[in-house]
Structures are given as C-alpha cells and as structure tokens.
Amino acid sequence: MFYFLKNIRQEFFSTIIGLIQGDILYAIILKKFSIDFPIGSFAFLDGLTLTCVFITIWSGFEYLQTTFEHKNFQQKKEKQL
C-alpha cells in the first residue's frame, strides 16, 4: 500500500482515515446486534498511535536504505574512475 503514496504525510493521513472508517463501520455493525461499542476509545487511540510509530520507523529504515545505497553507488563510481 505504501508504494502508491508519495511521502510520509500521505501515509499517515491514509492510514488514519482508514482506521477511523474501520472503527466507525465496526461500531455500526455491532450496533445492529445490540452491542454497544464506543467509537474512538482509548484502545483505538493506542492502536492508532502504535500504527503511526511503526510507519515512522519503517520510513526511517527506507531512508537509511536509500542513503546507504546512494553512498555505496558513489564509492563504486569513484573506484571505476
């Protein structure tokens, strides 16, 4: 999914919007079975926070990978000259 998004801001917004929509849809489905489910509970917010932390960590790894690949490419290019 993240390959279709251009930057980390779009990843955050699409993930947050998707999780909120899923939480609302889940509450609507449970309401039809007469089960009360609070929308935006603390457990949901904890999961949302952890998801954002994992996105940040993943983006950091991607940044490190491209940085090392760029440096490695420059070193190989210098050796060829």
PDB file of N, CA and C in Angstrom:
ATOM      1  N   MET A   1       0.819  -1.183   0.000  1.00  0.00           N
ATOM      2  CA  MET A   1       0.000   0.000   0.000  1.00  0.00           C
ATOM      3  C   MET A   1       0.864   1.247   0.000  1.00  0.00           C
ATOM      4  N   PHE A   2       1.953   1.231   0.742  1.00  0.00           N
ATOM      5  CA  PHE A   2       2.747   2.432   0.892  1.00  0.00           C
ATOM      6  C   PHE A   2       3.546   2.765  -0.361  1.00  0.00           C
ATOM      7  N   TYR A   3       3.630   1.834  -1.298  1.00  0.00           N
ATOM      8  CA  TYR A   3       4.352   2.122  -2.526  1.00  0.00           C
ATOM      9  C   TYR A   3       3.572   3.078  -3.425  1.00  0.00           C
ATOM     10  N   PHE A   4       2.281   3.199  -3.218  1.00  0.00           N
ATOM     11  CA  PHE A   4       1.455   4.076  -4.035  1.00  0.00           C
ATOM     12  C   PHE A   4       1.443   5.513  -3.508  1.00  0.00           C
ATOM     13  N   LEU A   5       1.933   5.698  -2.314  1.00  0.00           N
ATOM     14  CA  LEU A   5       1.894   7.019  -1.698  1.00  0.00           C
ATOM     15  C   LEU A   5       3.254   7.688  -1.854  1.00  0.00           C
ATOM     16  N   LYS A   6       3.248   8.994  -2.019  1.00  0.00           N
ATOM     17  CA  LYS A   6       4.472   9.703  -2.372  1.00  0.00           C
ATOM     18  C   LYS A   6       5.334  10.094  -1.174  1.00  0.00           C
ATOM     19  N   ASN A   7       4.735  10.395  -0.047  1.00  0.00           N
ATOM     20  CA  ASN A   7       5.543  10.795   1.103  1.00  0.00           C
ATOM     21  C   ASN A   7       4.899  10.306   2.397  1.00  0.00           C
ATOM     22  N   ILE A   8       5.589  10.556   3.492  1.00  0.00           N
ATOM     23  CA  ILE A   8       5.143  10.035   4.786  1.00  0.00           C
ATOM     24  C   ILE A   8       3.849  10.699   5.242  1.00  0.00           C
ATOM     25  N   ARG A   9       3.625  11.945   4.837  1.00  0.00           N
ATOM     26  CA  ARG A   9       2.387  12.630   5.225  1.00  0.00           C
ATOM     27  C   ARG A   9       1.169  11.924   4.636  1.00  0.00           C
ATOM     28  N   GLN A  10       1.266  11.512   3.378  1.00  0.00           N
ATOM     29  CA  GLN A  10       0.159  10.791   2.748  1.00  0.00           C
ATOM     30  C   GLN A  10      -0.037   9.427   3.396  1.00  0.00           C
ATOM     31  N   GLU A  11       1.053   8.786   3.815  1.00  0.00           N
ATOM     32  CA  GLU A  11       0.934   7.502   4.509  1.00  0.00           C
ATOM     33  C   GLU A  11       0.182   7.669   5.829  1.00  0.00           C
ATOM     34  N   PHE A  12       0.531   8.716   6.583  1.00  0.00           N
ATOM     35  CA  PHE A  12      -0.153   8.964   7.849  1.00  0.00           C
ATOM     36  C   PHE A  12      -1.641   9.244   7.629  1.00  0.00           C
ATOM     37  N   PHE A  13      -1.946  10.153   6.720  1.00  0.00           N
ATOM     38  CA  PHE A  13      -3.339  10.526   6.511  1.00  0.00           C
ATOM     39  C   PHE A  13      -4.180   9.362   6.003  1.00  0.00           C
ATOM     40  N   SER A  14      -3.655   8.591   5.063  1.00  0.00           N
ATOM     41  CA  SER A  14      -4.442   7.471   4.546  1.00  0.00           C
ATOM     42  C   SER A  14      -4.641   6.394   5.605  1.00  0.00           C
ATOM     43  N   THR A  15      -3.627   6.156   6.426  1.00  0.00           N
ATOM     44  CA  THR A  15      -3.755   5.164   7.492  1.00  0.00           C
ATOM     45  C   THR A  15      -4.736   5.627   8.558  1.00  0.00           C
ATOM     46  N   ILE A  16      -4.639   6.874   8.967  1.00  0.00           N
ATOM     47  CA  ILE A  16      -5.541   7.395   9.993  1.00  0.00           C
ATOM     48  C   ILE A  16      -6.984   7.395   9.504  1.00  0.00           C
ATOM     49  N   ILE A  17      -7.204   7.847   8.284  1.00  0.00           N
ATOM     50  CA  ILE A  17      -8.563   7.876   7.733  1.00  0.00           C
ATOM     51  C   ILE A  17      -9.118   6.455   7.614  1.00  0.00           C
ATOM     52  N   GLY A  18      -8.299   5.521   7.154  1.00  0.00           N
ATOM     53  CA  GLY A  18      -8.748   4.137   7.035  1.00  0.00           C
ATOM     54  C   GLY A  18      -9.090   3.511   8.373  1.00  0.00           C
ATOM     55  N   LEU A  19      -8.273   3.766   9.388  1.00  0.00           N
ATOM     56  CA  LEU A  19      -8.556   3.217  10.712  1.00  0.00           C
ATOM     57  C   LEU A  19      -9.816   3.818  11.322  1.00  0.00           C
ATOM     58  N   ILE A  20     -10.016   5.112  11.136  1.00  0.00           N
ATOM     59  CA  ILE A  20     -11.230   5.753  11.657  1.00  0.00           C
ATOM     60  C   ILE A  20     -12.467   5.197  10.962  1.00  0.00           C
ATOM     61  N   GLN A  21     -12.399   5.040   9.637  1.00  0.00           N
ATOM     62  CA  GLN A  21     -13.537   4.475   8.908  1.00  0.00           C
ATOM     63  C   GLN A  21     -13.820   3.042   9.359  1.00  0.00           C
ATOM     64  N   GLY A  22     -12.775   2.273   9.589  1.00  0.00           N
ATOM     65  CA  GLY A  22     -12.955   0.904  10.058  1.00  0.00           C
ATOM     66  C   GLY A  22     -13.577   0.850  11.443  1.00  0.00           C
ATOM     67  N   ASP A  23     -13.161   1.749  12.326  1.00  0.00           N
ATOM     68  CA  ASP A  23     -13.720   1.800  13.677  1.00  0.00           C
ATOM     69  C   ASP A  23     -15.206   2.164  13.643  1.00  0.00           C
ATOM     70  N   ILE A  24     -15.551   3.128  12.814  1.00  0.00           N
ATOM     71  CA  ILE A  24     -16.963   3.533  12.690  1.00  0.00           C
ATOM     72  C   ILE A  24     -17.797   2.406  12.086  1.00  0.00           C
ATOM     73  N   LEU A  25     -17.288   1.768  11.047  1.00  0.00           N
ATOM     74  CA  LEU A  25     -18.016   0.665  10.416  1.00  0.00           C
ATOM     75  C   LEU A  25     -18.207  -0.499  11.382  1.00  0.00           C
ATOM     76  N   TYR A  26     -17.176  -0.802  12.162  1.00  0.00           N
ATOM     77  CA  TYR A  26     -17.269  -1.871  13.156  1.00  0.00           C
ATOM     78  C   TYR A  26     -18.331  -1.550  14.210  1.00  0.00           C
ATOM     79  N   ALA A  27     -18.377  -0.297  14.650  1.00  0.00           N
ATOM     80  CA  ALA A  27     -19.384   0.108  15.642  1.00  0.00           C
ATOM     81  C   ALA A  27     -20.791   0.015  15.056  1.00  0.00           C
ATOM     82  N   ILE A  28     -20.954   0.383  13.785  1.00  0.00           N
ATOM     83  CA  ILE A  28     -22.266   0.289  13.146  1.00  0.00           C
ATOM     84  C   ILE A  28     -22.719  -1.166  13.038  1.00  0.00           C
ATOM     85  N   ILE A  29     -21.803  -2.034  12.663  1.00  0.00           N
ATOM     86  CA  ILE A  29     -22.151  -3.463  12.540  1.00  0.00           C
ATOM     87  C   ILE A  29     -22.533  -4.035  13.906  1.00  0.00           C
ATOM     88  N   LEU A  30     -21.757  -3.702  14.943  1.00  0.00           N
ATOM     89  CA  LEU A  30     -22.079  -4.213  16.280  1.00  0.00           C
ATOM     90  C   LEU A  30     -23.377  -3.632  16.815  1.00  0.00           C
ATOM     91  N   LYS A  31     -23.699  -2.415  16.415  1.00  0.00           N
ATOM     92  CA  LYS A  31     -24.947  -1.787  16.865  1.00  0.00           C
ATOM     93  C   LYS A  31     -26.158  -2.554  16.345  1.00  0.00           C
ATOM     94  N   LYS A  32     -26.046  -3.135  15.142  1.00  0.00           N
ATOM     95  CA  LYS A  32     -27.150  -3.921  14.592  1.00  0.00           C
ATOM     96  C   LYS A  32     -27.415  -5.180  15.411  1.00  0.00           C
ATOM     97  N   PHE A  33     -26.386  -5.652  16.140  1.00  0.00           N
ATOM     98  CA  PHE A  33     -26.547  -6.817  17.001  1.00  0.00           C
ATOM     99  C   PHE A  33     -26.760  -6.411  18.458  1.00  0.00           C
ATOM    100  N   SER A  34     -27.096  -5.159  18.674  1.00  0.00           N
ATOM    101  CA  SER A  34     -27.377  -4.597  20.009  1.00  0.00           C
ATOM    102  C   SER A  34     -26.174  -4.686  20.942  1.00  0.00           C
ATOM    103  N   ILE A  35     -24.993  -4.496  20.391  1.00  0.00           N
ATOM    104  CA  ILE A  35     -23.769  -4.471  21.192  1.00  0.00           C
ATOM    105  C   ILE A  35     -23.221  -3.046  21.144  1.00  0.00           C
ATOM    106  N   ASP A  36     -23.065  -2.455  22.323  1.00  0.00           N
ATOM    107  CA  ASP A  36     -22.520  -1.106  22.380  1.00  0.00           C
ATOM    108  C   ASP A  36     -21.008  -1.145  22.230  1.00  0.00           C
ATOM    109  N   PHE A  37     -20.492  -0.330  21.320  1.00  0.00           N
ATOM    110  CA  PHE A  37     -19.058  -0.234  21.079  1.00  0.00           C
ATOM    111  C   PHE A  37     -18.715   1.243  20.931  1.00  0.00           C
ATOM    112  N   PRO A  38     -17.887   1.775  21.819  1.00  0.00           N
ATOM    113  CA  PRO A  38     -17.573   3.212  21.737  1.00  0.00           C
ATOM    114  C   PRO A  38     -16.619   3.501  20.570  1.00  0.00           C
ATOM    115  N   ILE A  39     -16.954   4.517  19.813  1.00  0.00           N
ATOM    116  CA  ILE A  39     -16.094   4.938  18.708  1.00  0.00           C
ATOM    117  C   ILE A  39     -15.014   5.847  19.271  1.00  0.00           C
ATOM    118  N   GLY A  40     -13.770   5.580  18.915  1.00  0.00           N
ATOM    119  CA  GLY A  40     -12.665   6.417  19.385  1.00  0.00           C
ATOM    120  C   GLY A  40     -12.282   6.145  20.821  1.00  0.00           C
ATOM    121  N   SER A  41     -12.341   4.903  21.226  1.00  0.00           N
ATOM    122  CA  SER A  41     -11.982   4.563  22.600  1.00  0.00           C
ATOM    123  C   SER A  41     -10.468   4.689  22.796  1.00  0.00           C
ATOM    124  N   PHE A  42     -10.037   4.572  24.038  1.00  0.00           N
ATOM    125  CA  PHE A  42      -8.609   4.670  24.321  1.00  0.00           C
ATOM    126  C   PHE A  42      -7.833   3.534  23.671  1.00  0.00           C
ATOM    127  N   ALA A  43      -8.432   2.352  23.582  1.00  0.00           N
ATOM    128  CA  ALA A  43      -7.769   1.231  22.924  1.00  0.00           C
ATOM    129  C   ALA A  43      -7.559   1.532  21.437  1.00  0.00           C
ATOM    130  N   PHE A  44      -8.552   2.149  20.807  1.00  0.00           N
ATOM    131  CA  PHE A  44      -8.417   2.533  19.397  1.00  0.00           C
ATOM    132  C   PHE A  44      -7.308   3.565  19.229  1.00  0.00           C
ATOM    133  N   LEU A  45      -7.274   4.555  20.115  1.00  0.00           N
ATOM    134  CA  LEU A  45      -6.244   5.586  20.019  1.00  0.00           C
ATOM    135  C   LEU A  45      -4.851   5.017  20.269  1.00  0.00           C
ATOM    136  N   ASP A  46      -4.745   4.030  21.157  1.00  0.00           N
ATOM    137  CA  ASP A  46      -3.464   3.357  21.373  1.00  0.00           C
ATOM    138  C   ASP A  46      -3.014   2.633  20.103  1.00  0.00           C
ATOM    139  N   GLY A  47      -3.940   1.940  19.471  1.00  0.00           N
ATOM    140  CA  GLY A  47      -3.613   1.254  18.221  1.00  0.00           C
ATOM    141  C   GLY A  47      -3.238   2.218  17.111  1.00  0.00           C
ATOM    142  N   LEU A  48      -3.925   3.330  17.062  1.00  0.00           N
ATOM    143  CA  LEU A  48      -3.614   4.362  16.069  1.00  0.00           C
ATOM    144  C   LEU A  48      -2.214   4.925  16.295  1.00  0.00           C
ATOM    145  N   THR A  49      -1.873   5.167  17.554  1.00  0.00           N
ATOM    146  CA  THR A  49      -0.546   5.685  17.884  1.00  0.00           C
ATOM    147  C   THR A  49       0.543   4.685  17.530  1.00  0.00           C
ATOM    148  N   LEU A  50       0.329   3.422  17.867  1.00  0.00           N
ATOM    149  CA  LEU A  50       1.321   2.394  17.533  1.00  0.00           C
ATOM    150  C   LEU A  50       1.493   2.254  16.025  1.00  0.00           C
ATOM    151  N   THR A  51       0.408   2.355  15.297  1.00  0.00           N
ATOM    152  CA  THR A  51       0.493   2.282  13.843  1.00  0.00           C
ATOM    153  C   THR A  51       1.316   3.431  13.282  1.00  0.00           C
ATOM    154  N   CYS A  52       1.103   4.628  13.803  1.00  0.00           N
ATOM    155  CA  CYS A  52       1.881   5.792  13.353  1.00  0.00           C
ATOM    156  C   CYS A  52       3.359   5.651  13.719  1.00  0.00           C
ATOM    157  N   VAL A  53       3.643   5.080  14.886  1.00  0.00           N
ATOM    158  CA  VAL A  53       5.036   4.844  15.275  1.00  0.00           C
ATOM    159  C   VAL A  53       5.686   3.847  14.324  1.00  0.00           C
ATOM    160  N   PHE A  54       4.986   2.771  13.980  1.00  0.00           N
ATOM    161  CA  PHE A  54       5.542   1.787  13.054  1.00  0.00           C
ATOM    162  C   PHE A  54       5.763   2.375  11.664  1.00  0.00           C
ATOM    163  N   ILE A  55       4.870   3.248  11.219  1.00  0.00           N
ATOM    164  CA  ILE A  55       5.062   3.914   9.928  1.00  0.00           C
ATOM    165  C   ILE A  55       6.311   4.787   9.973  1.00  0.00           C
ATOM    166  N   THR A  56       6.507   5.489  11.075  1.00  0.00           N
ATOM    167  CA  THR A  56       7.687   6.337  11.225  1.00  0.00           C
ATOM    168  C   THR A  56       8.965   5.509  11.216  1.00  0.00           C
ATOM    169  N   ILE A  57       8.965   4.395  11.939  1.00  0.00           N
ATOM    170  CA  ILE A  57      10.141   3.522  11.977  1.00  0.00           C
ATOM    171  C   ILE A  57      10.414   2.939  10.594  1.00  0.00           C
ATOM    172  N   TRP A  58       9.381   2.492   9.923  1.00  0.00           N
ATOM    173  CA  TRP A  58       9.531   1.920   8.589  1.00  0.00           C
ATOM    174  C   TRP A  58      10.085   2.966   7.610  1.00  0.00           C
ATOM    175  N   SER A  59       9.591   4.176   7.688  1.00  0.00           N
ATOM    176  CA  SER A  59      10.089   5.246   6.814  1.00  0.00           C
ATOM    177  C   SER A  59      11.547   5.565   7.130  1.00  0.00           C
ATOM    178  N   GLY A  60      11.910   5.485   8.396  1.00  0.00           N
ATOM    179  CA  GLY A  60      13.310   5.690   8.779  1.00  0.00           C
ATOM    180  C   GLY A  60      14.216   4.634   8.177  1.00  0.00           C
ATOM    181  N   PHE A  61      13.772   3.374   8.201  1.00  0.00           N
ATOM    182  CA  PHE A  61      14.549   2.305   7.579  1.00  0.00           C
ATOM    183  C   PHE A  61      14.678   2.510   6.076  1.00  0.00           C
ATOM    184  N   GLU A  62      13.609   2.945   5.435  1.00  0.00           N
ATOM    185  CA  GLU A  62      13.663   3.216   3.999  1.00  0.00           C
ATOM    186  C   GLU A  62      14.643   4.340   3.698  1.00  0.00           C
ATOM    187  N   TYR A  63      14.636   5.374   4.538  1.00  0.00           N
ATOM    188  CA  TYR A  63      15.555   6.494   4.342  1.00  0.00           C
ATOM    189  C   TYR A  63      17.007   6.033   4.498  1.00  0.00           C
ATOM    190  N   LEU A  64      17.274   5.227   5.533  1.00  0.00           N
ATOM    191  CA  LEU A  64      18.627   4.710   5.735  1.00  0.00           C
ATOM    192  C   LEU A  64      19.072   3.843   4.568  1.00  0.00           C
ATOM    193  N   GLN A  65      18.160   3.024   4.067  1.00  0.00           N
ATOM    194  CA  GLN A  65      18.491   2.157   2.946  1.00  0.00           C
ATOM    195  C   GLN A  65      18.874   2.967   1.707  1.00  0.00           C
ATOM    196  N   THR A  66      18.093   3.977   1.381  1.00  0.00           N
ATOM    197  CA  THR A  66      18.413   4.781   0.201  1.00  0.00           C
ATOM    198  C   THR A  66      19.700   5.572   0.416  1.00  0.00           C
ATOM    199  N   THR A  67      19.955   6.028   1.643  1.00  0.00           N
ATOM    200  CA  THR A  67      21.191   6.753   1.929  1.00  0.00           C
ATOM    201  C   THR A  67      22.399   5.845   1.743  1.00  0.00           C
ATOM    202  N   PHE A  68      22.338   4.636   2.283  1.00  0.00           N
ATOM    203  CA  PHE A  68      23.459   3.714   2.138  1.00  0.00           C
ATOM    204  C   PHE A  68      23.647   3.283   0.687  1.00  0.00           C
ATOM    205  N   GLU A  69      22.566   3.066  -0.024  1.00  0.00           N
ATOM    206  CA  GLU A  69      22.681   2.696  -1.433  1.00  0.00           C
ATOM    207  C   GLU A  69      23.311   3.830  -2.241  1.00  0.00           C
ATOM    208  N   HIS A  70      22.940   5.060  -1.928  1.00  0.00           N
ATOM    209  CA  HIS A  70      23.497   6.207  -2.636  1.00  0.00           C
ATOM    210  C   HIS A  70      24.994   6.332  -2.358  1.00  0.00           C
ATOM    211  N   LYS A  71      25.399   6.176  -1.098  1.00  0.00           N
ATOM    212  CA  LYS A  71      26.823   6.250  -0.754  1.00  0.00           C
ATOM    213  C   LYS A  71      27.592   5.105  -1.380  1.00  0.00           C
ATOM    214  N   ASN A  72      27.005   3.909  -1.379  1.00  0.00           N
ATOM    215  CA  ASN A  72      27.653   2.750  -1.970  1.00  0.00           C
ATOM    216  C   ASN A  72      27.825   2.945  -3.477  1.00  0.00           C
ATOM    217  N   PHE A  73      26.837   3.505  -4.126  1.00  0.00           N
ATOM    218  CA  PHE A  73      26.911   3.764  -5.561  1.00  0.00           C
ATOM    219  C   PHE A  73      28.002   4.789  -5.861  1.00  0.00           C
ATOM    220  N   GLN A  74      28.103   5.823  -5.026  1.00  0.00           N
ATOM    221  CA  GLN A  74      29.145   6.829  -5.236  1.00  0.00           C
ATOM    222  C   GLN A  74      30.539   6.244  -5.056  1.00  0.00           C
ATOM    223  N   GLN A  75      30.707   5.362  -4.079  1.00  0.00           N
ATOM    224  CA  GLN A  75      32.005   4.736  -3.860  1.00  0.00           C
ATOM    225  C   GLN A  75      32.388   3.834  -5.021  1.00  0.00           C
ATOM    226  N   LYS A  76      31.435   3.076  -5.542  1.00  0.00           N
ATOM    227  CA  LYS A  76      31.720   2.217  -6.697  1.00  0.00           C
ATOM    228  C   LYS A  76      32.062   3.053  -7.919  1.00  0.00           C
ATOM    229  N   LYS A  77      31.399   4.175  -8.073  1.00  0.00           N
ATOM    230  CA  LYS A  77      31.644   5.051  -9.212  1.00  0.00           C
ATOM    231  C   LYS A  77      33.037   5.680  -9.105  1.00  0.00           C
ATOM    232  N   GLU A  78      33.455   6.057  -7.895  1.00  0.00           N
ATOM    233  CA  GLU A  78      34.777   6.628  -7.699  1.00  0.00           C
ATOM    234  C   GLU A  78      35.865   5.606  -7.954  1.00  0.00           C
ATOM    235  N   LYS A  79      35.639   4.346  -7.598  1.00  0.00           N
ATOM    236  CA  LYS A  79      36.617   3.290  -7.831  1.00  0.00           C
ATOM    237  C   LYS A  79      36.797   3.025  -9.319  1.00  0.00           C
ATOM    238  N   GLN A  80      35.743   3.172 -10.091  1.00  0.00           N
ATOM    239  CA  GLN A  80      35.832   2.938 -11.527  1.00  0.00           C
ATOM    240  C   GLN A  80      36.658   4.011 -12.220  1.00  0.00           C
ATOM    241  N   LEU A  81      36.663   5.208 -11.682  1.00  0.00           N
ATOM    242  CA  LEU A  81      37.438   6.297 -12.296  1.00  0.00           C
ATOM    243  C   LEU A  81      38.862   6.126 -11.923  1.00  0.00           C
TER     244      LEU A  81
END
